[in-house]
Amino acid sequence: MRLSDAIKRCSGFEPYNVSHAERLASTAGAFTGILLILIVSRFFLEGITTFLIVGSMGASAVLLFSVPHGRLSQPWPLVGGHLVSAVIGVSCAKFVPDLAIAEALAVGLAVGAMYYLHCIHPPGGATAITAVVGGEQVAELGYQYVLTPVLLNVIVILFVAIVFNYPFRWRRYPAALFSSAIEKKAEQKQRPDDIKHEDFVYALSKIDSLLDVSETDLLRIYDLVTRRHESSRTFDRLIPGHYYSNGAYGEDWSVRQIIDWNQQDAGDAQLIYKTVAGPDRRKTGICSEAEFY
């Protein structure tokens, strides 16, 4: 493995293969949501406190407008995560005199509560800690902080996410508005040997860690892969002399030219190919039809 590849792998660097339209929609949505929240928050709080509270909503905006179909971005994690974190934060601020302990306890308890209530939403941690360090104005609000501005801000950004994302068919929010069509289409295509929706549910239940991907997302990925597989894996379409990409990205991308092929008695075709672009450029090889794809 090259040093550059090792660094990318360890750092978690992975290019985002999304269109410019998707990036612009995320940018505009986040701007709209936070602007409206700031306008609403100023009715209840003044000064720097307003910007402290909106900080957690800024993190929510990243999820709702950049990853609208993620599990952590859905309405229940958004609403439940912020509200339970706000209640815990206010309680710690009231009953734990040591500021450092109150801050740490607020975030820790918020994470645990969100797990048990099935509403993990990372920005909830910021909502909890803001209740502790928000200053006199937040302290004076007490548990009113949970309703105004937290709940009100949540309602605003939820409304913006639903309305703003709706015109973009591929990113409608919440995910249920998008996934129902995917599930219906997948059910129509299923054969007895297909992987089904419940198979993904079962697989996810066996992973003892929270993944920010739903079974519907996996079902859609499976559908796209099988459609590509069915449309491309026909040996009759492989023509000697033609060039074929391996479909990989980055430094793993390569193009191979089929030099010749012959059909074996066992029925598995053997291909002779030459790599004309990529890591193994100018090298030749022999493989079966299945290995070529």
C-alpha atoms as a PDB file:
ATOM      1  CA  MET A   1       0.000   0.000   0.000  1.00  0.00           C
ATOM      2  CA  ARG A   2       1.325   3.436  -0.913  1.00  0.00           C
ATOM      3  CA  LEU A   3       2.085   5.907   1.859  1.00  0.00           C
ATOM      4  CA  SER A   4      -0.516   8.345   0.500  1.00  0.00           C
ATOM      5  CA  ASP A   5      -3.161   5.598   0.492  1.00  0.00           C
ATOM      6  CA  ALA A   6      -2.248   4.596   4.038  1.00  0.00           C
ATOM      7  CA  ILE A   7      -2.557   8.191   5.226  1.00  0.00           C
ATOM      8  CA  LYS A   8      -5.962   8.580   3.538  1.00  0.00           C
ATOM      9  CA  ARG A   9      -7.202   5.322   5.039  1.00  0.00           C
ATOM     10  CA  CYS A  10      -6.038   6.171   8.581  1.00  0.00           C
ATOM     11  CA  SER A  11      -7.360   9.730   8.422  1.00  0.00           C
ATOM     12  CA  GLY A  12     -10.747   8.666   7.068  1.00  0.00           C
ATOM     13  CA  PHE A  13     -10.383  10.892   4.015  1.00  0.00           C
ATOM     14  CA  GLU A  14     -12.906   9.921   1.379  1.00  0.00           C
ATOM     15  CA  PRO A  15     -14.019  12.138  -1.525  1.00  0.00           C
ATOM     16  CA  TYR A  16     -17.711  13.027  -1.609  1.00  0.00           C
ATOM     17  CA  ASN A  17     -19.110  11.852  -4.941  1.00  0.00           C
ATOM     18  CA  VAL A  18     -22.033  14.258  -5.062  1.00  0.00           C
ATOM     19  CA  SER A  19     -23.112  16.758  -7.681  1.00  0.00           C
ATOM     20  CA  HIS A  20     -22.693  20.516  -7.504  1.00  0.00           C
ATOM     21  CA  ALA A  21     -26.485  20.819  -7.309  1.00  0.00           C
ATOM     22  CA  GLU A  22     -26.487  18.700  -4.143  1.00  0.00           C
ATOM     23  CA  ARG A  23     -23.736  20.797  -2.558  1.00  0.00           C
ATOM     24  CA  LEU A  24     -25.472  24.065  -3.413  1.00  0.00           C
ATOM     25  CA  ALA A  25     -28.801  22.782  -2.072  1.00  0.00           C
ATOM     26  CA  SER A  26     -27.147  21.818   1.233  1.00  0.00           C
ATOM     27  CA  THR A  27     -25.491  25.225   1.490  1.00  0.00           C
ATOM     28  CA  ALA A  28     -28.668  27.168   0.755  1.00  0.00           C
ATOM     29  CA  GLY A  29     -30.756  25.019   3.090  1.00  0.00           C
ATOM     30  CA  ALA A  30     -28.392  25.464   6.021  1.00  0.00           C
ATOM     31  CA  PHE A  31     -28.299  29.232   5.446  1.00  0.00           C
ATOM     32  CA  THR A  32     -32.096  29.486   5.364  1.00  0.00           C
ATOM     33  CA  GLY A  33     -32.615  27.352   8.448  1.00  0.00           C
ATOM     34  CA  ILE A  34     -30.099  29.161  10.642  1.00  0.00           C
ATOM     35  CA  LEU A  35     -31.238  32.621   9.495  1.00  0.00           C
ATOM     36  CA  LEU A  36     -34.821  31.892  10.542  1.00  0.00           C
ATOM     37  CA  ILE A  37     -33.666  30.408  13.850  1.00  0.00           C
ATOM     38  CA  LEU A  38     -31.621  33.524  14.627  1.00  0.00           C
ATOM     39  CA  ILE A  39     -34.633  35.720  13.905  1.00  0.00           C
ATOM     40  CA  VAL A  40     -36.826  33.626  16.224  1.00  0.00           C
ATOM     41  CA  SER A  41     -34.219  33.358  18.999  1.00  0.00           C
ATOM     42  CA  ARG A  42     -33.773  37.118  19.238  1.00  0.00           C
ATOM     43  CA  PHE A  43     -37.349  37.429  20.473  1.00  0.00           C
ATOM     44  CA  PHE A  44     -36.419  35.477  23.616  1.00  0.00           C
ATOM     45  CA  LEU A  45     -32.726  36.126  24.253  1.00  0.00           C
ATOM     46  CA  GLU A  46     -30.309  38.956  23.632  1.00  0.00           C
ATOM     47  CA  GLY A  47     -26.594  39.327  23.181  1.00  0.00           C
ATOM     48  CA  ILE A  48     -24.059  36.519  22.993  1.00  0.00           C
ATOM     49  CA  THR A  49     -26.480  34.019  24.578  1.00  0.00           C
ATOM     50  CA  THR A  50     -28.469  33.903  21.347  1.00  0.00           C
ATOM     51  CA  PHE A  51     -25.448  32.779  19.369  1.00  0.00           C
ATOM     52  CA  LEU A  52     -24.465  30.179  21.970  1.00  0.00           C
ATOM     53  CA  ILE A  53     -27.860  28.494  21.735  1.00  0.00           C
ATOM     54  CA  VAL A  54     -27.963  28.645  17.946  1.00  0.00           C
ATOM     55  CA  GLY A  55     -24.603  26.844  17.893  1.00  0.00           C
ATOM     56  CA  SER A  56     -26.220  23.461  18.473  1.00  0.00           C
ATOM     57  CA  MET A  57     -28.760  24.202  15.737  1.00  0.00           C
ATOM     58  CA  GLY A  58     -25.877  24.946  13.372  1.00  0.00           C
ATOM     59  CA  ALA A  59     -24.702  21.388  13.927  1.00  0.00           C
ATOM     60  CA  SER A  60     -28.243  20.120  13.281  1.00  0.00           C
ATOM     61  CA  ALA A  61     -28.341  22.105  10.044  1.00  0.00           C
ATOM     62  CA  VAL A  62     -25.280  20.212   8.801  1.00  0.00           C
ATOM     63  CA  LEU A  63     -27.093  16.909   9.352  1.00  0.00           C
ATOM     64  CA  LEU A  64     -30.521  17.929   8.045  1.00  0.00           C
ATOM     65  CA  PHE A  65     -29.263  19.591   4.866  1.00  0.00           C
ATOM     66  CA  SER A  66     -26.103  17.602   4.101  1.00  0.00           C
ATOM     67  CA  VAL A  67     -27.260  14.136   5.206  1.00  0.00           C
ATOM     68  CA  PRO A  68     -31.077  14.427   5.025  1.00  0.00           C
ATOM     69  CA  HIS A  69     -31.572  10.642   4.821  1.00  0.00           C
ATOM     70  CA  GLY A  70     -29.185   9.761   7.659  1.00  0.00           C
ATOM     71  CA  ARG A  71     -30.624   8.019  10.719  1.00  0.00           C
ATOM     72  CA  LEU A  72     -29.309  10.753  13.021  1.00  0.00           C
ATOM     73  CA  SER A  73     -31.012  13.447  10.935  1.00  0.00           C
ATOM     74  CA  GLN A  74     -34.599  12.192  11.121  1.00  0.00           C
ATOM     75  CA  PRO A  75     -37.380  14.064  12.987  1.00  0.00           C
ATOM     76  CA  TRP A  76     -37.420  11.936  16.149  1.00  0.00           C
ATOM     77  CA  PRO A  77     -33.636  12.126  16.722  1.00  0.00           C
ATOM     78  CA  LEU A  78     -33.793  15.868  16.020  1.00  0.00           C
ATOM     79  CA  VAL A  79     -36.695  16.620  18.377  1.00  0.00           C
ATOM     80  CA  GLY A  80     -36.018  14.009  21.037  1.00  0.00           C
ATOM     81  CA  GLY A  81     -32.266  14.543  21.043  1.00  0.00           C
ATOM     82  CA  HIS A  82     -32.493  18.287  21.613  1.00  0.00           C
ATOM     83  CA  LEU A  83     -35.331  18.193  24.145  1.00  0.00           C
ATOM     84  CA  VAL A  84     -33.978  15.433  26.398  1.00  0.00           C
ATOM     85  CA  SER A  85     -30.540  17.068  26.271  1.00  0.00           C
ATOM     86  CA  ALA A  86     -32.039  20.433  27.210  1.00  0.00           C
ATOM     87  CA  VAL A  87     -33.874  18.944  30.204  1.00  0.00           C
ATOM     88  CA  ILE A  88     -30.718  17.203  31.405  1.00  0.00           C
ATOM     89  CA  GLY A  89     -28.600  20.312  30.864  1.00  0.00           C
ATOM     90  CA  VAL A  90     -30.935  22.541  32.873  1.00  0.00           C
ATOM     91  CA  SER A  91     -31.130  19.948  35.662  1.00  0.00           C
ATOM     92  CA  CYS A  92     -27.340  19.698  35.909  1.00  0.00           C
ATOM     93  CA  ALA A  93     -27.044  23.488  35.951  1.00  0.00           C
ATOM     94  CA  LYS A  94     -29.539  23.698  38.815  1.00  0.00           C
ATOM     95  CA  PHE A  95     -28.408  20.818  41.026  1.00  0.00           C
ATOM     96  CA  VAL A  96     -24.660  20.360  40.396  1.00  0.00           C
ATOM     97  CA  PRO A  97     -22.697  23.264  41.898  1.00  0.00           C
ATOM     98  CA  ASP A  98     -19.308  22.470  40.349  1.00  0.00           C
ATOM     99  CA  LEU A  99     -19.309  23.916  36.809  1.00  0.00           C
ATOM    100  CA  ALA A 100     -16.855  21.416  35.298  1.00  0.00           C
ATOM    101  CA  ILE A 101     -18.720  18.427  36.748  1.00  0.00           C
ATOM    102  CA  ALA A 102     -22.051  19.887  35.627  1.00  0.00           C
ATOM    103  CA  GLU A 103     -20.822  20.304  32.039  1.00  0.00           C
ATOM    104  CA  ALA A 104     -19.372  16.802  31.802  1.00  0.00           C
ATOM    105  CA  LEU A 105     -22.373  15.225  33.502  1.00  0.00           C
ATOM    106  CA  ALA A 106     -24.816  17.043  31.234  1.00  0.00           C
ATOM    107  CA  VAL A 107     -23.181  15.710  28.073  1.00  0.00           C
ATOM    108  CA  GLY A 108     -22.644  12.207  29.459  1.00  0.00           C
ATOM    109  CA  LEU A 109     -26.212  11.815  30.678  1.00  0.00           C
ATOM    110  CA  ALA A 110     -27.551  13.289  27.442  1.00  0.00           C
ATOM    111  CA  VAL A 111     -25.695  10.675  25.393  1.00  0.00           C
ATOM    112  CA  GLY A 112     -26.991   7.852  27.597  1.00  0.00           C
ATOM    113  CA  ALA A 113     -30.565   9.145  27.517  1.00  0.00           C
ATOM    114  CA  MET A 114     -30.526   9.561  23.736  1.00  0.00           C
ATOM    115  CA  TYR A 115     -29.356   5.970  23.384  1.00  0.00           C
ATOM    116  CA  TYR A 116     -32.176   4.582  25.502  1.00  0.00           C
ATOM    117  CA  LEU A 117     -34.775   6.795  23.843  1.00  0.00           C
ATOM    118  CA  HIS A 118     -33.485   5.910  20.354  1.00  0.00           C
ATOM    119  CA  CYS A 119     -32.932   9.547  19.442  1.00  0.00           C
ATOM    120  CA  ILE A 120     -29.158   9.941  19.062  1.00  0.00           C
ATOM    121  CA  HIS A 121     -28.546  13.399  17.616  1.00  0.00           C
ATOM    122  CA  PRO A 122     -24.963  14.680  18.104  1.00  0.00           C
ATOM    123  CA  PRO A 123     -25.918  18.376  18.351  1.00  0.00           C
ATOM    124  CA  GLY A 124     -27.914  17.446  21.466  1.00  0.00           C
ATOM    125  CA  GLY A 125     -24.635  17.417  23.366  1.00  0.00           C
ATOM    126  CA  ALA A 126     -24.164  21.093  22.541  1.00  0.00           C
ATOM    127  CA  THR A 127     -27.724  21.839  23.667  1.00  0.00           C
ATOM    128  CA  ALA A 128     -27.019  20.158  27.022  1.00  0.00           C
ATOM    129  CA  ILE A 129     -23.750  21.964  27.670  1.00  0.00           C
ATOM    130  CA  THR A 130     -25.166  25.353  26.595  1.00  0.00           C
ATOM    131  CA  ALA A 131     -27.777  25.042  29.346  1.00  0.00           C
ATOM    132  CA  VAL A 132     -24.911  24.869  31.848  1.00  0.00           C
ATOM    133  CA  VAL A 133     -22.613  27.587  30.467  1.00  0.00           C
ATOM    134  CA  GLY A 134     -25.211  29.832  28.797  1.00  0.00           C
ATOM    135  CA  GLY A 135     -24.947  32.567  31.416  1.00  0.00           C
ATOM    136  CA  GLU A 136     -27.495  34.400  33.555  1.00  0.00           C
ATOM    137  CA  GLN A 137     -30.151  34.668  30.858  1.00  0.00           C
ATOM    138  CA  VAL A 138     -30.275  30.917  30.352  1.00  0.00           C
ATOM    139  CA  ALA A 139     -30.161  30.307  34.105  1.00  0.00           C
ATOM    140  CA  GLU A 140     -33.125  32.648  34.601  1.00  0.00           C
ATOM    141  CA  LEU A 141     -35.116  30.744  31.994  1.00  0.00           C
ATOM    142  CA  GLY A 142     -34.758  27.477  33.907  1.00  0.00           C
ATOM    143  CA  TYR A 143     -36.832  24.729  32.328  1.00  0.00           C
ATOM    144  CA  GLN A 144     -38.433  27.330  30.069  1.00  0.00           C
ATOM    145  CA  TYR A 145     -35.173  26.956  28.110  1.00  0.00           C
ATOM    146  CA  VAL A 146     -36.497  23.578  26.929  1.00  0.00           C
ATOM    147  CA  LEU A 147     -39.522  25.179  25.262  1.00  0.00           C
ATOM    148  CA  THR A 148     -38.148  28.553  24.249  1.00  0.00           C
ATOM    149  CA  PRO A 149     -35.843  28.692  22.519  1.00  0.00           C
ATOM    150  CA  VAL A 150     -34.888  24.997  22.124  1.00  0.00           C
ATOM    151  CA  LEU A 151     -38.229  23.456  21.075  1.00  0.00           C
ATOM    152  CA  LEU A 152     -39.137  26.523  19.040  1.00  0.00           C
ATOM    153  CA  ASN A 153     -35.795  26.394  17.227  1.00  0.00           C
ATOM    154  CA  VAL A 154     -36.257  22.689  16.567  1.00  0.00           C
ATOM    155  CA  ILE A 155     -39.706  23.306  15.067  1.00  0.00           C
ATOM    156  CA  VAL A 156     -38.318  26.059  12.825  1.00  0.00           C
ATOM    157  CA  ILE A 157     -35.418  24.040  11.448  1.00  0.00           C
ATOM    158  CA  LEU A 158     -37.621  20.943  11.035  1.00  0.00           C
ATOM    159  CA  PHE A 159     -40.150  22.984   9.034  1.00  0.00           C
ATOM    160  CA  VAL A 160     -37.408  24.476   6.852  1.00  0.00           C
ATOM    161  CA  ALA A 161     -35.881  21.032   6.229  1.00  0.00           C
ATOM    162  CA  ILE A 162     -39.217  19.570   5.085  1.00  0.00           C
ATOM    163  CA  VAL A 163     -40.204  22.492   2.871  1.00  0.00           C
ATOM    164  CA  PHE A 164     -36.764  23.299   1.456  1.00  0.00           C
ATOM    165  CA  ASN A 165     -35.834  19.704   0.583  1.00  0.00           C
ATOM    166  CA  TYR A 166     -39.205  18.747  -0.906  1.00  0.00           C
ATOM    167  CA  PRO A 167     -38.638  20.194  -4.425  1.00  0.00           C
ATOM    168  CA  PHE A 168     -35.488  18.058  -4.738  1.00  0.00           C
ATOM    169  CA  ARG A 169     -36.907  14.579  -5.373  1.00  0.00           C
ATOM    170  CA  TRP A 170     -33.677  12.787  -4.495  1.00  0.00           C
ATOM    171  CA  ARG A 171     -33.322  14.457  -1.067  1.00  0.00           C
ATOM    172  CA  ARG A 172     -36.868  14.787   0.277  1.00  0.00           C
ATOM    173  CA  TYR A 173     -37.036  14.990   4.064  1.00  0.00           C
ATOM    174  CA  PRO A 174     -37.848  13.098   6.216  1.00  0.00           C
ATOM    175  CA  ALA A 175     -36.398   9.964   4.671  1.00  0.00           C
ATOM    176  CA  ALA A 176     -39.830   8.276   4.693  1.00  0.00           C
ATOM    177  CA  LEU A 177     -40.969  10.604   1.887  1.00  0.00           C
ATOM    178  CA  PHE A 178     -38.135   9.286  -0.242  1.00  0.00           C
ATOM    179  CA  SER A 179     -37.827   5.687   0.938  1.00  0.00           C
ATOM    180  CA  SER A 180     -41.425   4.624   0.325  1.00  0.00           C
ATOM    181  CA  ALA A 181     -40.928   4.861  -3.434  1.00  0.00           C
ATOM    182  CA  ILE A 182     -37.630   2.965  -3.192  1.00  0.00           C
ATOM    183  CA  GLU A 183     -39.197   0.163  -1.144  1.00  0.00           C
ATOM    184  CA  LYS A 184     -42.162  -0.159  -3.518  1.00  0.00           C
ATOM    185  CA  LYS A 185     -39.870  -0.327  -6.529  1.00  0.00           C
ATOM    186  CA  ALA A 186     -37.649  -2.923  -4.852  1.00  0.00           C
ATOM    187  CA  GLU A 187     -40.646  -5.091  -3.930  1.00  0.00           C
ATOM    188  CA  GLN A 188     -41.816  -5.100  -7.533  1.00  0.00           C
ATOM    189  CA  LYS A 189     -38.410  -6.342  -8.686  1.00  0.00           C
ATOM    190  CA  GLN A 190     -37.894  -9.033  -6.066  1.00  0.00           C
ATOM    191  CA  ARG A 191     -37.444 -12.655  -7.048  1.00  0.00           C
ATOM    192  CA  PRO A 192     -37.441 -15.610  -4.621  1.00  0.00           C
ATOM    193  CA  ASP A 193     -33.626 -15.471  -4.312  1.00  0.00           C
ATOM    194  CA  ASP A 194     -33.387 -11.693  -3.827  1.00  0.00           C
ATOM    195  CA  ILE A 195     -32.114 -10.049  -0.703  1.00  0.00           C
ATOM    196  CA  LYS A 196     -35.183  -8.508   0.919  1.00  0.00           C
ATOM    197  CA  HIS A 197     -35.852  -5.527   3.159  1.00  0.00           C
ATOM    198  CA  GLU A 198     -36.075  -7.709   6.281  1.00  0.00           C
ATOM    199  CA  ASP A 199     -32.663  -9.186   5.475  1.00  0.00           C
ATOM    200  CA  PHE A 200     -31.114  -5.747   5.859  1.00  0.00           C
ATOM    201  CA  VAL A 201     -33.020  -5.189   9.109  1.00  0.00           C
ATOM    202  CA  TYR A 202     -31.629  -8.467  10.434  1.00  0.00           C
ATOM    203  CA  ALA A 203     -28.067  -7.645   9.331  1.00  0.00           C
ATOM    204  CA  LEU A 204     -28.173  -4.212  10.985  1.00  0.00           C
ATOM    205  CA  SER A 205     -29.480  -5.754  14.215  1.00  0.00           C
ATOM    206  CA  LYS A 206     -26.369  -7.956  14.359  1.00  0.00           C
ATOM    207  CA  ILE A 207     -23.966  -4.998  14.304  1.00  0.00           C
ATOM    208  CA  ASP A 208     -23.487  -3.864  17.910  1.00  0.00           C
ATOM    209  CA  SER A 209     -22.801  -0.256  16.975  1.00  0.00           C
ATOM    210  CA  LEU A 210     -24.868   2.680  15.777  1.00  0.00           C
ATOM    211  CA  LEU A 211     -24.549   3.178  12.018  1.00  0.00           C
ATOM    212  CA  ASP A 212     -25.814   6.342  10.377  1.00  0.00           C
ATOM    213  CA  VAL A 213     -27.434   4.389   7.551  1.00  0.00           C
ATOM    214  CA  SER A 214     -30.893   2.846   7.352  1.00  0.00           C
ATOM    215  CA  GLU A 215     -32.006  -0.454   5.861  1.00  0.00           C
ATOM    216  CA  THR A 216     -33.805   1.582   3.188  1.00  0.00           C
ATOM    217  CA  ASP A 217     -30.526   3.200   2.145  1.00  0.00           C
ATOM    218  CA  LEU A 218     -28.919  -0.239   1.943  1.00  0.00           C
ATOM    219  CA  LEU A 219     -31.866  -1.517  -0.075  1.00  0.00           C
ATOM    220  CA  ARG A 220     -31.456   1.329  -2.543  1.00  0.00           C
ATOM    221  CA  ILE A 221     -27.711   0.662  -2.833  1.00  0.00           C
ATOM    222  CA  TYR A 222     -28.446  -3.015  -3.438  1.00  0.00           C
ATOM    223  CA  ASP A 223     -30.990  -2.122  -6.120  1.00  0.00           C
ATOM    224  CA  LEU A 224     -28.529   0.176  -7.922  1.00  0.00           C
ATOM    225  CA  VAL A 225     -25.768  -2.429  -7.778  1.00  0.00           C
ATOM    226  CA  THR A 226     -27.968  -5.254  -9.077  1.00  0.00           C
ATOM    227  CA  ARG A 227     -29.318  -3.101 -11.893  1.00  0.00           C
ATOM    228  CA  ARG A 228     -25.760  -2.229 -12.951  1.00  0.00           C
ATOM    229  CA  HIS A 229     -24.798  -5.877 -12.583  1.00  0.00           C
ATOM    230  CA  GLU A 230     -27.709  -7.083 -14.700  1.00  0.00           C
ATOM    231  CA  SER A 231     -27.132  -4.484 -17.421  1.00  0.00           C
ATOM    232  CA  SER A 232     -23.379  -5.008 -17.742  1.00  0.00           C
ATOM    233  CA  ARG A 233     -22.594  -8.636 -16.886  1.00  0.00           C
ATOM    234  CA  THR A 234     -23.523 -10.163 -20.242  1.00  0.00           C
ATOM    235  CA  PHE A 235     -20.598 -11.945 -21.847  1.00  0.00           C
ATOM    236  CA  ASP A 236     -21.935 -11.378 -25.345  1.00  0.00           C
ATOM    237  CA  ARG A 237     -21.252  -7.674 -24.856  1.00  0.00           C
ATOM    238  CA  LEU A 238     -17.560  -8.250 -24.161  1.00  0.00           C
ATOM    239  CA  ILE A 239     -15.849  -7.756 -27.504  1.00  0.00           C
ATOM    240  CA  PRO A 240     -12.198  -8.577 -28.187  1.00  0.00           C
ATOM    241  CA  GLY A 241     -10.268  -5.379 -28.840  1.00  0.00           C
ATOM    242  CA  HIS A 242     -12.637  -3.205 -26.800  1.00  0.00           C
ATOM    243  CA  TYR A 243     -11.711  -1.359 -23.606  1.00  0.00           C
ATOM    244  CA  TYR A 244     -13.442  -1.732 -20.213  1.00  0.00           C
ATOM    245  CA  SER A 245     -13.040   0.231 -16.981  1.00  0.00           C
ATOM    246  CA  ASN A 246     -13.064  -1.555 -13.630  1.00  0.00           C
ATOM    247  CA  GLY A 247     -15.410   1.125 -12.246  1.00  0.00           C
ATOM    248  CA  ALA A 248     -13.118   1.981  -9.315  1.00  0.00           C
ATOM    249  CA  TYR A 249     -12.231   5.474  -8.108  1.00  0.00           C
ATOM    250  CA  GLY A 250      -8.989   7.344  -7.593  1.00  0.00           C
ATOM    251  CA  GLU A 251      -5.698   5.506  -7.855  1.00  0.00           C
ATOM    252  CA  ASP A 252      -7.440   2.110  -8.080  1.00  0.00           C
ATOM    253  CA  TRP A 253      -9.073   3.040 -11.402  1.00  0.00           C
ATOM    254  CA  SER A 254      -7.880   1.082 -14.415  1.00  0.00           C
ATOM    255  CA  VAL A 255      -8.834   0.297 -18.001  1.00  0.00           C
ATOM    256  CA  ARG A 256      -8.295  -3.121 -19.574  1.00  0.00           C
ATOM    257  CA  GLN A 257      -8.416  -4.161 -23.205  1.00  0.00           C
ATOM    258  CA  ILE A 258      -9.670  -7.651 -24.098  1.00  0.00           C
ATOM    259  CA  ILE A 259      -7.137  -9.228 -26.417  1.00  0.00           C
ATOM    260  CA  ASP A 260      -8.830 -12.600 -26.891  1.00  0.00           C
ATOM    261  CA  TRP A 261     -11.139 -15.078 -25.196  1.00  0.00           C
ATOM    262  CA  ASN A 262     -12.167 -18.672 -25.531  1.00  0.00           C
ATOM    263  CA  GLN A 263     -15.044 -20.734 -24.181  1.00  0.00           C
ATOM    264  CA  GLN A 264     -13.924 -23.685 -22.054  1.00  0.00           C
ATOM    265  CA  ASP A 265     -15.634 -27.090 -21.949  1.00  0.00           C
ATOM    266  CA  ALA A 266     -16.794 -26.336 -18.407  1.00  0.00           C
ATOM    267  CA  GLY A 267     -18.599 -23.299 -19.734  1.00  0.00           C
ATOM    268  CA  ASP A 268     -16.467 -20.636 -18.026  1.00  0.00           C
ATOM    269  CA  ALA A 269     -14.925 -18.245 -20.536  1.00  0.00           C
ATOM    270  CA  GLN A 270     -11.219 -17.426 -20.220  1.00  0.00           C
ATOM    271  CA  LEU A 271     -10.205 -13.906 -21.183  1.00  0.00           C
ATOM    272  CA  ILE A 272      -6.793 -12.625 -22.151  1.00  0.00           C
ATOM    273  CA  TYR A 273      -6.539  -8.932 -21.377  1.00  0.00           C
ATOM    274  CA  LYS A 274      -4.017  -6.096 -21.232  1.00  0.00           C
ATOM    275  CA  THR A 275      -4.156  -3.201 -18.751  1.00  0.00           C
ATOM    276  CA  VAL A 276      -3.768   0.059 -20.686  1.00  0.00           C
ATOM    277  CA  ALA A 277      -4.327   2.518 -17.820  1.00  0.00           C
ATOM    278  CA  GLY A 278      -3.971   2.316 -14.073  1.00  0.00           C
ATOM    279  CA  PRO A 279      -1.566   0.722 -11.570  1.00  0.00           C
ATOM    280  CA  ASP A 280      -0.816  -2.398 -13.697  1.00  0.00           C
ATOM    281  CA  ARG A 281      -0.421  -0.538 -16.986  1.00  0.00           C
ATOM    282  CA  ARG A 282       1.093  -2.587 -19.833  1.00  0.00           C
ATOM    283  CA  LYS A 283       0.652  -5.873 -17.960  1.00  0.00           C
ATOM    284  CA  THR A 284      -1.320  -8.747 -19.429  1.00  0.00           C
ATOM    285  CA  GLY A 285      -3.331 -11.387 -17.653  1.00  0.00           C
ATOM    286  CA  ILE A 286      -5.739 -14.300 -17.984  1.00  0.00           C
ATOM    287  CA  CYS A 287      -8.916 -14.603 -15.950  1.00  0.00           C
ATOM    288  CA  SER A 288     -12.411 -16.013 -16.048  1.00  0.00           C
ATOM    289  CA  GLU A 289     -15.450 -13.966 -17.020  1.00  0.00           C
ATOM    290  CA  ALA A 290     -16.457 -13.628 -13.356  1.00  0.00           C
ATOM    291  CA  GLU A 291     -12.981 -12.465 -12.346  1.00  0.00           C
ATOM    292  CA  PHE A 292     -12.896  -9.848 -15.118  1.00  0.00           C
ATOM    293  CA  TYR A 293     -15.864  -7.935 -13.628  1.00  0.00           C
END
